[in-house]
Each structure stands twice: as C-alpha cells, then as structure tokens.
Amino acid sequence: MDEIKNLLHYFIKDLLWAILPIFFTFIFACIAGMYFTEIWGRLTLGFMVFVFIILGYRKH
C-alpha cells in the first residue's frame, strides 16, 4: 500500500509541476488572443509556440 501511495504522490507532483503550468499558459494565450487581438495577442500566441518548441526539444 505504501508503494502505491508513493507512486500516486510522484504522479500528482509531476502533474502539478510539469503539465498544469503549460495548460494554464495555453489558456492565458487563448484569452489574450481573444481579448487583445492587436499586438499582445499575437505576441502571446507566438511566445507559446516558442515555448512548446523549446519544451519539445528539452524532453528528448
């Protein structure tokens, strides 16, 4: 039972620190793109593409 608890703790920690920040940043970029369609929305979406490319290269 203790092994399952440790595995669940590791999974939740990994979820919180690896996946959720990317998700929230993506949501922020979408909201910025909807409400600030001028330069800020484009810059935010462009920065998100840049971050996803960097994260893709970092995982390998």
N, C-alpha and C. Protein backbone atom coordinates (compact mmCIF):
# COMPACT_ATOMS: atom_id res chain seq x y z
N MET A 1 0.81 -1.19 0.00
CA MET A 1 0.00 0.00 0.00
C MET A 1 0.86 1.26 0.00
N ASP A 2 1.97 1.21 0.68
CA ASP A 2 2.86 2.36 0.75
C ASP A 2 3.49 2.67 -0.60
N GLU A 3 3.73 1.62 -1.39
CA GLU A 3 4.30 1.83 -2.73
C GLU A 3 3.31 2.55 -3.64
N ILE A 4 2.05 2.19 -3.54
CA ILE A 4 1.02 2.85 -4.34
C ILE A 4 0.88 4.31 -3.92
N LYS A 5 0.97 4.56 -2.63
CA LYS A 5 0.88 5.93 -2.13
C LYS A 5 2.04 6.77 -2.64
N ASN A 6 3.25 6.21 -2.64
CA ASN A 6 4.41 6.93 -3.16
C ASN A 6 4.30 7.17 -4.66
N LEU A 7 3.80 6.18 -5.39
CA LEU A 7 3.62 6.34 -6.83
C LEU A 7 2.57 7.41 -7.13
N LEU A 8 1.49 7.41 -6.38
CA LEU A 8 0.45 8.43 -6.57
C LEU A 8 0.99 9.82 -6.24
N HIS A 9 1.78 9.92 -5.18
CA HIS A 9 2.38 11.21 -4.81
C HIS A 9 3.30 11.71 -5.91
N TYR A 10 4.12 10.83 -6.48
CA TYR A 10 5.02 11.23 -7.56
C TYR A 10 4.23 11.67 -8.79
N PHE A 11 3.14 10.94 -9.10
CA PHE A 11 2.33 11.29 -10.26
C PHE A 11 1.68 12.66 -10.09
N ILE A 12 1.13 12.92 -8.92
CA ILE A 12 0.48 14.21 -8.67
C ILE A 12 1.51 15.34 -8.71
N LYS A 13 2.68 15.11 -8.14
CA LYS A 13 3.73 16.13 -8.16
C LYS A 13 4.17 16.41 -9.59
N ASP A 14 4.32 15.36 -10.37
CA ASP A 14 4.71 15.54 -11.77
C ASP A 14 3.61 16.26 -12.54
N LEU A 15 2.37 15.93 -12.26
CA LEU A 15 1.25 16.59 -12.92
C LEU A 15 1.22 18.07 -12.59
N LEU A 16 1.41 18.41 -11.33
CA LEU A 16 1.34 19.80 -10.92
C LEU A 16 2.47 20.64 -11.48
N TRP A 17 3.68 20.10 -11.52
CA TRP A 17 4.83 20.91 -11.90
C TRP A 17 5.23 20.79 -13.36
N ALA A 18 4.65 19.85 -14.10
CA ALA A 18 5.03 19.69 -15.50
C ALA A 18 3.89 19.99 -16.46
N ILE A 19 2.69 19.59 -16.15
CA ILE A 19 1.60 19.69 -17.12
C ILE A 19 0.74 20.92 -16.89
N LEU A 20 0.37 21.18 -15.65
CA LEU A 20 -0.55 22.28 -15.38
C LEU A 20 -0.01 23.66 -15.74
N PRO A 21 1.26 23.99 -15.51
CA PRO A 21 1.73 25.31 -15.96
C PRO A 21 1.61 25.52 -17.47
N ILE A 22 1.86 24.47 -18.23
CA ILE A 22 1.73 24.58 -19.69
C ILE A 22 0.26 24.78 -20.05
N PHE A 23 -0.62 24.05 -19.40
CA PHE A 23 -2.06 24.18 -19.65
C PHE A 23 -2.55 25.60 -19.33
N PHE A 24 -2.17 26.12 -18.17
CA PHE A 24 -2.61 27.46 -17.79
C PHE A 24 -2.02 28.53 -18.69
N THR A 25 -0.79 28.35 -19.12
CA THR A 25 -0.18 29.31 -20.04
C THR A 25 -0.89 29.29 -21.38
N PHE A 26 -1.28 28.10 -21.84
CA PHE A 26 -2.00 27.99 -23.10
C PHE A 26 -3.37 28.66 -22.99
N ILE A 27 -4.06 28.46 -21.88
CA ILE A 27 -5.36 29.11 -21.67
C ILE A 27 -5.19 30.63 -21.64
N PHE A 28 -4.14 31.11 -20.96
CA PHE A 28 -3.87 32.54 -20.93
C PHE A 28 -3.62 33.08 -22.34
N ALA A 29 -2.88 32.32 -23.14
CA ALA A 29 -2.60 32.77 -24.51
C ALA A 29 -3.88 32.83 -25.34
N CYS A 30 -4.76 31.88 -25.15
CA CYS A 30 -6.03 31.91 -25.89
C CYS A 30 -6.89 33.09 -25.47
N ILE A 31 -6.94 33.36 -24.17
CA ILE A 31 -7.72 34.50 -23.69
C ILE A 31 -7.11 35.81 -24.20
N ALA A 32 -5.79 35.91 -24.16
CA ALA A 32 -5.14 37.12 -24.67
C ALA A 32 -5.39 37.28 -26.16
N GLY A 33 -5.41 36.19 -26.90
CA GLY A 33 -5.70 36.25 -28.33
C GLY A 33 -7.12 36.70 -28.62
N MET A 34 -8.06 36.33 -27.74
CA MET A 34 -9.46 36.72 -27.95
C MET A 34 -9.70 38.18 -27.59
N TYR A 35 -9.14 38.63 -26.48
CA TYR A 35 -9.46 39.97 -25.99
C TYR A 35 -8.49 41.04 -26.49
N PHE A 36 -7.26 40.66 -26.79
CA PHE A 36 -6.27 41.63 -27.27
C PHE A 36 -5.80 41.17 -28.64
N THR A 37 -6.63 41.40 -29.63
CA THR A 37 -6.34 40.87 -30.97
C THR A 37 -5.24 41.66 -31.67
N GLU A 38 -4.83 42.76 -31.10
CA GLU A 38 -3.77 43.52 -31.73
C GLU A 38 -2.43 42.84 -31.47
N ILE A 39 -1.46 43.55 -31.04
CA ILE A 39 -0.11 43.04 -30.93
C ILE A 39 0.07 42.07 -29.76
N TRP A 40 -0.63 42.29 -28.63
CA TRP A 40 -0.39 41.46 -27.44
C TRP A 40 -0.88 40.04 -27.63
N GLY A 41 -2.00 39.89 -28.29
CA GLY A 41 -2.50 38.54 -28.54
C GLY A 41 -1.57 37.77 -29.46
N ARG A 42 -1.09 38.43 -30.50
CA ARG A 42 -0.16 37.77 -31.42
C ARG A 42 1.16 37.45 -30.76
N LEU A 43 1.66 38.38 -29.95
CA LEU A 43 2.91 38.12 -29.26
C LEU A 43 2.78 36.97 -28.26
N THR A 44 1.67 36.92 -27.57
CA THR A 44 1.47 35.84 -26.60
C THR A 44 1.37 34.49 -27.29
N LEU A 45 0.59 34.42 -28.36
CA LEU A 45 0.47 33.15 -29.09
C LEU A 45 1.80 32.75 -29.73
N GLY A 46 2.53 33.72 -30.24
CA GLY A 46 3.86 33.41 -30.79
C GLY A 46 4.81 32.92 -29.73
N PHE A 47 4.76 33.52 -28.56
CA PHE A 47 5.61 33.07 -27.46
C PHE A 47 5.23 31.67 -27.03
N MET A 48 3.94 31.33 -27.05
CA MET A 48 3.52 29.98 -26.69
C MET A 48 4.07 28.95 -27.67
N VAL A 49 4.06 29.26 -28.95
CA VAL A 49 4.64 28.36 -29.94
C VAL A 49 6.12 28.17 -29.64
N PHE A 50 6.81 29.24 -29.33
CA PHE A 50 8.23 29.17 -29.00
C PHE A 50 8.46 28.29 -27.76
N VAL A 51 7.62 28.45 -26.74
CA VAL A 51 7.77 27.65 -25.51
C VAL A 51 7.52 26.18 -25.81
N PHE A 52 6.50 25.86 -26.61
CA PHE A 52 6.23 24.47 -26.94
C PHE A 52 7.38 23.85 -27.74
N ILE A 53 7.99 24.61 -28.62
CA ILE A 53 9.14 24.10 -29.38
C ILE A 53 10.30 23.82 -28.44
N ILE A 54 10.60 24.75 -27.53
CA ILE A 54 11.69 24.56 -26.57
C ILE A 54 11.41 23.36 -25.68
N LEU A 55 10.18 23.22 -25.20
CA LEU A 55 9.85 22.08 -24.35
C LEU A 55 9.93 20.77 -25.12
N GLY A 56 9.58 20.78 -26.39
CA GLY A 56 9.70 19.59 -27.21
C GLY A 56 11.14 19.13 -27.37
N TYR A 57 12.05 20.08 -27.58
CA TYR A 57 13.46 19.72 -27.70
C TYR A 57 14.06 19.33 -26.36
N ARG A 58 13.55 19.88 -25.29
CA ARG A 58 14.09 19.60 -23.97
C ARG A 58 13.72 18.19 -23.50
N LYS A 59 12.58 17.68 -23.91
CA LYS A 59 12.15 16.35 -23.48
C LYS A 59 13.00 15.23 -24.09
N HIS A 60 13.57 15.48 -25.25
CA HIS A 60 14.33 14.42 -25.93
C HIS A 60 15.76 14.38 -25.51
